[in-house]
């Protein structure tokens, strides 16, 4: 007998239903609820299907709305966004200009007159702390190239470029300095993390016992006015050099009265080299003497290995 028949039977004979007990614990209330559910289960099914249809309609409506909105507005916004991103991601001219090193700074050309010729000098400065330069240059007078050569500038370096003993200058024209071309390179931060320390370790040269004797009291010659410059160069670094060119400038007050060059050869670590050189036509005392090494410490070919 199923639940419904059992329930109908119990309605017809209440005394029998009252006396009926189910070993499993089934009661009349449970039977009533079960019968009610069976009678209305089609309604439950319709409600459940209606809820599913409603959820589906809402979902499809949501999707259709936003797809339509994207097609109408979103695609254009995405296109503008991607265009803006591409403009920001692709380096432009201003970006490269910002990364490019600043140009070499050039002071005015100075000339120093001797008895039979003229010495020319110009001061250059590299304003970039992490870039170094190899450049070609010319000293010009009018349309004539007086001297053309090549040189270098280390990061942050200030140096002099000389043209000595020019005897065919035209007094009608000023001497100009022109940089023909420059090749820049950047320090490798992995190999040289601290440029100041790197430079000090390799250019630790001390110039000691510097003495200048004017021409009239030098005793070198009675016929030619020759002054004498003496100094001791001490290599207090840990590096040996095949050659170390020096730039030498004599001052009287703020005026440059003499320029010259000298090259130390086989300049070993902890070595002292005594230098003595003559200077024509300076018969007065100088107030200051500037001696600067002019060696490219970024070129390893300039260093001599120990024992070689």
Foldseek 3Di string as FASTA:
>chain_A
DDLVVVLVVCVVPVVVLVPDDDPVGDHNVNSVVVVVCVVCVVVVVVVVVVVVVVVVVVVVVVVVVVVVVCVVPVVVVVVVVVVVVVVVVDDDPVNVVVVDFDDKDKDDKDWADADQFIKIKIKIWRAAQWKKKKWKKFKDWDPDTPDIDIAIGDHGDIDMDMDPGHRDDDPVTDIDMGIPDMDMDGDDCVVPVDVVVVCCQQFVKDKAPWDKAFQVPPPPDPPFRKIKIKIKIFQQHQFWFQKWKKWKFFAAVPDTNDIDIDMDGRRHHRDIDIDMDIDGDGRDDTDDMDIDTRDDPVDCVGTDDPPD
